[in-house]
């Protein structure tokens, strides 16, 4: 898998996570305070969960790619 394919895959997964969060946040208007706190806890756990080794590797590769692109911009 090329770096670009890995980046697209990672961004696609991130977008799916964002869509899930948006859906859960939009439901909160109809929740009881207890349900709200339960959803809030779940969302915080999702946001703050540690990355798997594969996700961390992809994130590191993405950061390197961005750094290379930034260096190219400066060189121009």
PDB file of N, CA and C in Angstrom:
ATOM      1  N   UNK A   1       0.860  -1.176   0.000  1.00  0.00           N
ATOM      2  CA  UNK A   1       0.000   0.000   0.000  1.00  0.00           C
ATOM      3  C   UNK A   1       0.905   1.238   0.000  1.00  0.00           C
ATOM      4  N   UNK A   2       0.627   2.164  -0.894  1.00  0.00           N
ATOM      5  CA  UNK A   2       1.437   3.379  -0.969  1.00  0.00           C
ATOM      6  C   UNK A   2       1.088   4.311   0.188  1.00  0.00           C
ATOM      7  N   UNK A   3       1.960   5.291   0.410  1.00  0.00           N
ATOM      8  CA  UNK A   3       1.698   6.267   1.475  1.00  0.00           C
ATOM      9  C   UNK A   3       0.378   6.997   1.233  1.00  0.00           C
ATOM     10  N   UNK A   4       0.122   7.339  -0.017  1.00  0.00           N
ATOM     11  CA  UNK A   4      -1.113   8.053  -0.333  1.00  0.00           C
ATOM     12  C   UNK A   4      -2.334   7.195  -0.021  1.00  0.00           C
ATOM     13  N   UNK A   5      -2.255   5.897  -0.344  1.00  0.00           N
ATOM     14  CA  UNK A   5      -3.367   4.998  -0.045  1.00  0.00           C
ATOM     15  C   UNK A   5      -3.569   4.852   1.458  1.00  0.00           C
ATOM     16  N   UNK A   6      -2.467   4.795   2.214  1.00  0.00           N
ATOM     17  CA  UNK A   6      -2.566   4.705   3.664  1.00  0.00           C
ATOM     18  C   UNK A   6      -3.207   5.966   4.235  1.00  0.00           C
ATOM     19  N   UNK A   7      -2.810   7.105   3.702  1.00  0.00           N
ATOM     20  CA  UNK A   7      -3.360   8.376   4.177  1.00  0.00           C
ATOM     21  C   UNK A   7      -4.850   8.452   3.874  1.00  0.00           C
ATOM     22  N   UNK A   8      -5.232   8.073   2.662  1.00  0.00           N
ATOM     23  CA  UNK A   8      -6.647   8.087   2.296  1.00  0.00           C
ATOM     24  C   UNK A   8      -7.434   7.144   3.192  1.00  0.00           C
ATOM     25  N   UNK A   9      -6.881   5.971   3.455  1.00  0.00           N
ATOM     26  CA  UNK A   9      -7.551   5.006   4.324  1.00  0.00           C
ATOM     27  C   UNK A   9      -7.721   5.573   5.734  1.00  0.00           C
ATOM     28  N   UNK A  10      -6.660   6.192   6.262  1.00  0.00           N
ATOM     29  CA  UNK A  10      -6.727   6.759   7.603  1.00  0.00           C
ATOM     30  C   UNK A  10      -7.734   7.911   7.657  1.00  0.00           C
ATOM     31  N   UNK A  11      -7.725   8.773   6.637  1.00  0.00           N
ATOM     32  CA  UNK A  11      -8.661   9.898   6.615  1.00  0.00           C
ATOM     33  C   UNK A  11     -10.102   9.417   6.464  1.00  0.00           C
ATOM     34  N   UNK A  12     -10.307   8.363   5.700  1.00  0.00           N
ATOM     35  CA  UNK A  12     -11.648   7.793   5.541  1.00  0.00           C
ATOM     36  C   UNK A  12     -12.164   7.272   6.878  1.00  0.00           C
ATOM     37  N   UNK A  13     -11.286   6.575   7.622  1.00  0.00           N
ATOM     38  CA  UNK A  13     -11.675   6.072   8.940  1.00  0.00           C
ATOM     39  C   UNK A  13     -11.970   7.234   9.890  1.00  0.00           C
ATOM     40  N   UNK A  14     -11.137   8.274   9.836  1.00  0.00           N
ATOM     41  CA  UNK A  14     -11.365   9.437  10.694  1.00  0.00           C
ATOM     42  C   UNK A  14     -12.697  10.092  10.364  1.00  0.00           C
ATOM     43  N   UNK A  15     -13.031  10.194   9.064  1.00  0.00           N
ATOM     44  CA  UNK A  15     -14.298  10.794   8.671  1.00  0.00           C
ATOM     45  C   UNK A  15     -15.470   9.966   9.181  1.00  0.00           C
ATOM     46  N   UNK A  16     -15.337   8.645   9.140  1.00  0.00           N
ATOM     47  CA  UNK A  16     -16.395   7.780   9.666  1.00  0.00           C
ATOM     48  C   UNK A  16     -16.567   8.005  11.166  1.00  0.00           C
ATOM     49  N   UNK A  17     -15.449   8.147  11.892  1.00  0.00           N
ATOM     50  CA  UNK A  17     -15.527   8.423  13.328  1.00  0.00           C
ATOM     51  C   UNK A  17     -16.194   9.766  13.586  1.00  0.00           C
ATOM     52  N   UNK A  18     -15.867  10.759  12.777  1.00  0.00           N
ATOM     53  CA  UNK A  18     -16.468  12.088  12.919  1.00  0.00           C
ATOM     54  C   UNK A  18     -17.965  12.017  12.657  1.00  0.00           C
ATOM     55  N   UNK A  19     -18.352  11.298  11.611  1.00  0.00           N
ATOM     56  CA  UNK A  19     -19.783  11.151  11.302  1.00  0.00           C
ATOM     57  C   UNK A  19     -20.527  10.474  12.446  1.00  0.00           C
ATOM     58  N   UNK A  20     -19.892   9.471  13.057  1.00  0.00           N
ATOM     59  CA  UNK A  20     -20.490   8.786  14.202  1.00  0.00           C
ATOM     60  C   UNK A  20     -20.667   9.760  15.359  1.00  0.00           C
ATOM     61  N   UNK A  21     -19.643  10.555  15.625  1.00  0.00           N
ATOM     62  CA  UNK A  21     -19.724  11.538  16.712  1.00  0.00           C
ATOM     63  C   UNK A  21     -20.832  12.556  16.442  1.00  0.00           C
ATOM     64  N   UNK A  22     -20.913  13.050  15.206  1.00  0.00           N
ATOM     65  CA  UNK A  22     -21.951  14.023  14.861  1.00  0.00           C
ATOM     66  C   UNK A  22     -23.343  13.427  15.081  1.00  0.00           C
ATOM     67  N   UNK A  23     -23.516  12.188  14.655  1.00  0.00           N
ATOM     68  CA  UNK A  23     -24.810  11.520  14.819  1.00  0.00           C
ATOM     69  C   UNK A  23     -25.160  11.419  16.293  1.00  0.00           C
ATOM     70  N   UNK A  24     -24.182  10.999  17.097  1.00  0.00           N
ATOM     71  CA  UNK A  24     -24.438  10.857  18.531  1.00  0.00           C
ATOM     72  C   UNK A  24     -24.711  12.214  19.169  1.00  0.00           C
ATOM     73  N   UNK A  25     -24.022  13.254  18.740  1.00  0.00           N
ATOM     74  CA  UNK A  25     -24.244  14.582  19.308  1.00  0.00           C
ATOM     75  C   UNK A  25     -25.621  15.121  18.935  1.00  0.00           C
ATOM     76  N   UNK A  26     -26.086  14.837  17.735  1.00  0.00           N
ATOM     77  CA  UNK A  26     -27.398  15.324  17.294  1.00  0.00           C
ATOM     78  C   UNK A  26     -28.538  14.663  18.050  1.00  0.00           C
ATOM     79  N   UNK A  27     -28.315  13.500  18.600  1.00  0.00           N
ATOM     80  CA  UNK A  27     -29.350  12.775  19.347  1.00  0.00           C
ATOM     81  C   UNK A  27     -29.532  13.356  20.743  1.00  0.00           C
ATOM     82  N   UNK A  28     -28.568  14.104  21.231  1.00  0.00           N
ATOM     83  CA  UNK A  28     -28.579  14.532  22.637  1.00  0.00           C
ATOM     84  C   UNK A  28     -29.748  15.413  23.012  1.00  0.00           C
ATOM     85  N   UNK A  29     -30.354  16.097  22.057  1.00  0.00           N
ATOM     86  CA  UNK A  29     -31.469  16.988  22.392  1.00  0.00           C
ATOM     87  C   UNK A  29     -32.626  16.248  23.051  1.00  0.00           C
ATOM     88  N   UNK A  30     -32.777  14.962  22.768  1.00  0.00           N
ATOM     89  CA  UNK A  30     -33.901  14.189  23.275  1.00  0.00           C
ATOM     90  C   UNK A  30     -33.516  13.311  24.465  1.00  0.00           C
ATOM     91  N   UNK A  31     -32.297  13.432  24.960  1.00  0.00           N
ATOM     92  CA  UNK A  31     -31.809  12.545  26.008  1.00  0.00           C
ATOM     93  C   UNK A  31     -32.110  13.078  27.409  1.00  0.00           C
ATOM     94  N   UNK A  32     -32.187  12.152  28.311  1.00  0.00           N
ATOM     95  CA  UNK A  32     -32.256  12.522  29.719  1.00  0.00           C
ATOM     96  C   UNK A  32     -30.842  12.883  30.162  1.00  0.00           C
ATOM     97  N   UNK A  33     -30.700  13.550  31.298  1.00  0.00           N
ATOM     98  CA  UNK A  33     -29.347  13.870  31.785  1.00  0.00           C
ATOM     99  C   UNK A  33     -28.465  12.630  31.974  1.00  0.00           C
ATOM    100  N   UNK A  34     -29.063  11.531  32.394  1.00  0.00           N
ATOM    101  CA  UNK A  34     -28.294  10.298  32.572  1.00  0.00           C
ATOM    102  C   UNK A  34     -27.792   9.762  31.238  1.00  0.00           C
ATOM    103  N   UNK A  35     -28.671   9.801  30.228  1.00  0.00           N
ATOM    104  CA  UNK A  35     -28.270   9.337  28.894  1.00  0.00           C
ATOM    105  C   UNK A  35     -27.184  10.240  28.318  1.00  0.00           C
ATOM    106  N   UNK A  36     -27.346  11.538  28.547  1.00  0.00           N
ATOM    107  CA  UNK A  36     -26.347  12.497  28.071  1.00  0.00           C
ATOM    108  C   UNK A  36     -24.976  12.186  28.678  1.00  0.00           C
ATOM    109  N   UNK A  37     -24.929  11.967  29.976  1.00  0.00           N
ATOM    110  CA  UNK A  37     -23.659  11.667  30.640  1.00  0.00           C
ATOM    111  C   UNK A  37     -23.061  10.360  30.133  1.00  0.00           C
ATOM    112  N   UNK A  38     -23.895   9.372  29.882  1.00  0.00           N
ATOM    113  CA  UNK A  38     -23.409   8.090  29.356  1.00  0.00           C
ATOM    114  C   UNK A  38     -22.821   8.269  27.955  1.00  0.00           C
ATOM    115  N   UNK A  39     -23.511   9.030  27.108  1.00  0.00           N
ATOM    116  CA  UNK A  39     -22.996   9.291  25.762  1.00  0.00           C
ATOM    117  C   UNK A  39     -21.723  10.131  25.816  1.00  0.00           C
ATOM    118  N   UNK A  40     -21.712  11.102  26.700  1.00  0.00           N
ATOM    119  CA  UNK A  40     -20.525  11.946  26.848  1.00  0.00           C
ATOM    120  C   UNK A  40     -19.314  11.098  27.247  1.00  0.00           C
ATOM    121  N   UNK A  41     -19.524  10.186  28.184  1.00  0.00           N
ATOM    122  CA  UNK A  41     -18.438   9.303  28.627  1.00  0.00           C
ATOM    123  C   UNK A  41     -17.952   8.438  27.465  1.00  0.00           C
ATOM    124  N   UNK A  42     -18.881   7.883  26.693  1.00  0.00           N
ATOM    125  CA  UNK A  42     -18.519   7.048  25.547  1.00  0.00           C
ATOM    126  C   UNK A  42     -17.731   7.840  24.511  1.00  0.00           C
ATOM    127  N   UNK A  43     -18.182   9.051  24.222  1.00  0.00           N
ATOM    128  CA  UNK A  43     -17.486   9.891  23.241  1.00  0.00           C
ATOM    129  C   UNK A  43     -16.085  10.261  23.715  1.00  0.00           C
ATOM    130  N   UNK A  44     -15.957  10.597  24.988  1.00  0.00           N
ATOM    131  CA  UNK A  44     -14.637  10.930  25.521  1.00  0.00           C
ATOM    132  C   UNK A  44     -13.694   9.734  25.473  1.00  0.00           C
ATOM    133  N   UNK A  45     -14.222   8.549  25.748  1.00  0.00           N
ATOM    134  CA  UNK A  45     -13.402   7.342  25.660  1.00  0.00           C
ATOM    135  C   UNK A  45     -12.947   7.108  24.221  1.00  0.00           C
ATOM    136  N   UNK A  46     -13.837   7.341  23.267  1.00  0.00           N
ATOM    137  CA  UNK A  46     -13.490   7.178  21.861  1.00  0.00           C
ATOM    138  C   UNK A  46     -12.410   8.173  21.445  1.00  0.00           C
ATOM    139  N   UNK A  47     -12.586   9.419  21.834  1.00  0.00           N
ATOM    140  CA  UNK A  47     -11.629  10.459  21.460  1.00  0.00           C
ATOM    141  C   UNK A  47     -10.267  10.232  22.109  1.00  0.00           C
ATOM    142  N   UNK A  48     -10.268   9.801  23.346  1.00  0.00           N
ATOM    143  CA  UNK A  48      -9.023   9.692  24.111  1.00  0.00           C
ATOM    144  C   UNK A  48      -8.395   8.304  24.104  1.00  0.00           C
ATOM    145  N   UNK A  49      -8.972   7.373  23.358  1.00  0.00           N
ATOM    146  CA  UNK A  49      -8.428   6.019  23.377  1.00  0.00           C
ATOM    147  C   UNK A  49      -7.034   6.019  22.763  1.00  0.00           C
ATOM    148  N   UNK A  50      -6.173   5.129  23.255  1.00  0.00           N
ATOM    149  CA  UNK A  50      -4.838   5.050  22.661  1.00  0.00           C
ATOM    150  C   UNK A  50      -4.927   4.435  21.262  1.00  0.00           C
ATOM    151  N   UNK A  51      -4.006   4.845  20.418  1.00  0.00           N
ATOM    152  CA  UNK A  51      -3.958   4.294  19.074  1.00  0.00           C
ATOM    153  C   UNK A  51      -3.379   2.893  19.107  1.00  0.00           C
ATOM    154  N   UNK A  52      -3.872   2.058  18.195  1.00  0.00           N
ATOM    155  CA  UNK A  52      -3.261   0.743  18.038  1.00  0.00           C
ATOM    156  C   UNK A  52      -1.895   0.946  17.389  1.00  0.00           C
ATOM    157  N   UNK A  53      -1.010  -0.033  17.491  1.00  0.00           N
ATOM    158  CA  UNK A  53       0.298   0.125  16.837  1.00  0.00           C
ATOM    159  C   UNK A  53       0.186   0.454  15.346  1.00  0.00           C
ATOM    160  N   UNK A  54      -0.769  -0.153  14.656  1.00  0.00           N
ATOM    161  CA  UNK A  54      -0.948   0.123  13.229  1.00  0.00           C
ATOM    162  C   UNK A  54      -1.426   1.559  13.005  1.00  0.00           C
ATOM    163  N   UNK A  55      -2.371   2.014  13.834  1.00  0.00           N
ATOM    164  CA  UNK A  55      -2.842   3.398  13.719  1.00  0.00           C
ATOM    165  C   UNK A  55      -1.726   4.381  14.027  1.00  0.00           C
ATOM    166  N   UNK A  56      -0.891   4.072  15.025  1.00  0.00           N
ATOM    167  CA  UNK A  56       0.218   4.958  15.374  1.00  0.00           C
ATOM    168  C   UNK A  56       1.225   5.013  14.232  1.00  0.00           C
ATOM    169  N   UNK A  57       1.493   3.856  13.619  1.00  0.00           N
ATOM    170  CA  UNK A  57       2.413   3.809  12.475  1.00  0.00           C
ATOM    171  C   UNK A  57       1.867   4.667  11.338  1.00  0.00           C
ATOM    172  N   UNK A  58       0.576   4.530  11.043  1.00  0.00           N
ATOM    173  CA  UNK A  58      -0.050   5.339   9.993  1.00  0.00           C
ATOM    174  C   UNK A  58       0.006   6.823  10.326  1.00  0.00           C
ATOM    175  N   UNK A  59      -0.245   7.164  11.581  1.00  0.00           N
ATOM    176  CA  UNK A  59      -0.197   8.562  12.011  1.00  0.00           C
ATOM    177  C   UNK A  59       1.213   9.123  11.868  1.00  0.00           C
ATOM    178  N   UNK A  60       2.215   8.330  12.243  1.00  0.00           N
ATOM    179  CA  UNK A  60       3.605   8.774  12.104  1.00  0.00           C
ATOM    180  C   UNK A  60       3.970   8.984  10.641  1.00  0.00           C
ATOM    181  N   UNK A  61       3.543   8.051   9.775  1.00  0.00           N
ATOM    182  CA  UNK A  61       3.816   8.187   8.342  1.00  0.00           C
ATOM    183  C   UNK A  61       3.110   9.421   7.781  1.00  0.00           C
ATOM    184  N   UNK A  62       1.901   9.668   8.239  1.00  0.00           N
ATOM    185  CA  UNK A  62       1.163  10.847   7.793  1.00  0.00           C
ATOM    186  C   UNK A  62       1.883  12.122   8.225  1.00  0.00           C
ATOM    187  N   UNK A  63       2.375  12.142   9.452  1.00  0.00           N
ATOM    188  CA  UNK A  63       3.105  13.313   9.953  1.00  0.00           C
ATOM    189  C   UNK A  63       4.379  13.540   9.139  1.00  0.00           C
ATOM    190  N   UNK A  64       5.070  12.462   8.809  1.00  0.00           N
ATOM    191  CA  UNK A  64       6.276  12.588   7.977  1.00  0.00           C
ATOM    192  C   UNK A  64       5.928  13.135   6.594  1.00  0.00           C
ATOM    193  N   UNK A  65       4.842  12.647   6.029  1.00  0.00           N
ATOM    194  CA  UNK A  65       4.390  13.109   4.721  1.00  0.00           C
ATOM    195  C   UNK A  65       4.069  14.608   4.753  1.00  0.00           C
ATOM    196  N   UNK A  66       3.363  15.036   5.774  1.00  0.00           N
ATOM    197  CA  UNK A  66       3.019  16.458   5.912  1.00  0.00           C
ATOM    198  C   UNK A  66       4.288  17.292   6.066  1.00  0.00           C
ATOM    199  N   UNK A  67       5.243  16.801   6.866  1.00  0.00           N
ATOM    200  CA  UNK A  67       6.506  17.518   7.050  1.00  0.00           C
ATOM    201  C   UNK A  67       7.245  17.653   5.720  1.00  0.00           C
ATOM    202  N   UNK A  68       7.232  16.596   4.903  1.00  0.00           N
ATOM    203  CA  UNK A  68       7.879  16.651   3.593  1.00  0.00           C
ATOM    204  C   UNK A  68       7.193  17.684   2.702  1.00  0.00           C
ATOM    205  N   UNK A  69       5.856  17.704   2.731  1.00  0.00           N
ATOM    206  CA  UNK A  69       5.121  18.677   1.913  1.00  0.00           C
ATOM    207  C   UNK A  69       5.413  20.102   2.375  1.00  0.00           C
ATOM    208  N   UNK A  70       5.478  20.310   3.691  1.00  0.00           N
ATOM    209  CA  UNK A  70       5.804  21.632   4.228  1.00  0.00           C
ATOM    210  C   UNK A  70       7.207  22.051   3.815  1.00  0.00           C
ATOM    211  N   UNK A  71       8.151  21.108   3.851  1.00  0.00           N
ATOM    212  CA  UNK A  71       9.526  21.416   3.449  1.00  0.00           C
ATOM    213  C   UNK A  71       9.591  21.791   1.979  1.00  0.00           C
ATOM    214  N   UNK A  72       8.792  21.129   1.156  1.00  0.00           N
ATOM    215  CA  UNK A  72       8.757  21.469  -0.268  1.00  0.00           C
ATOM    216  C   UNK A  72       8.226  22.885  -0.498  1.00  0.00           C
ATOM    217  N   UNK A  73       7.214  23.263   0.286  1.00  0.00           N
ATOM    218  CA  UNK A  73       6.643  24.610   0.159  1.00  0.00           C
ATOM    219  C   UNK A  73       7.693  25.664   0.509  1.00  0.00           C
ATOM    220  N   UNK A  74       8.455  25.415   1.574  1.00  0.00           N
ATOM    221  CA  UNK A  74       9.474  26.366   2.010  1.00  0.00           C
ATOM    222  C   UNK A  74      10.575  26.472   0.961  1.00  0.00           C
ATOM    223  N   UNK A  75      10.910  25.340   0.338  1.00  0.00           N
ATOM    224  CA  UNK A  75      11.980  25.322  -0.663  1.00  0.00           C
ATOM    225  C   UNK A  75      11.600  26.077  -1.925  1.00  0.00           C
ATOM    226  N   UNK A  76      10.311  26.232  -2.173  1.00  0.00           N
ATOM    227  CA  UNK A  76       9.857  26.913  -3.393  1.00  0.00           C
ATOM    228  C   UNK A  76      10.034  28.366  -3.252  1.00  0.00           C
TER     229      UNK A  76
END
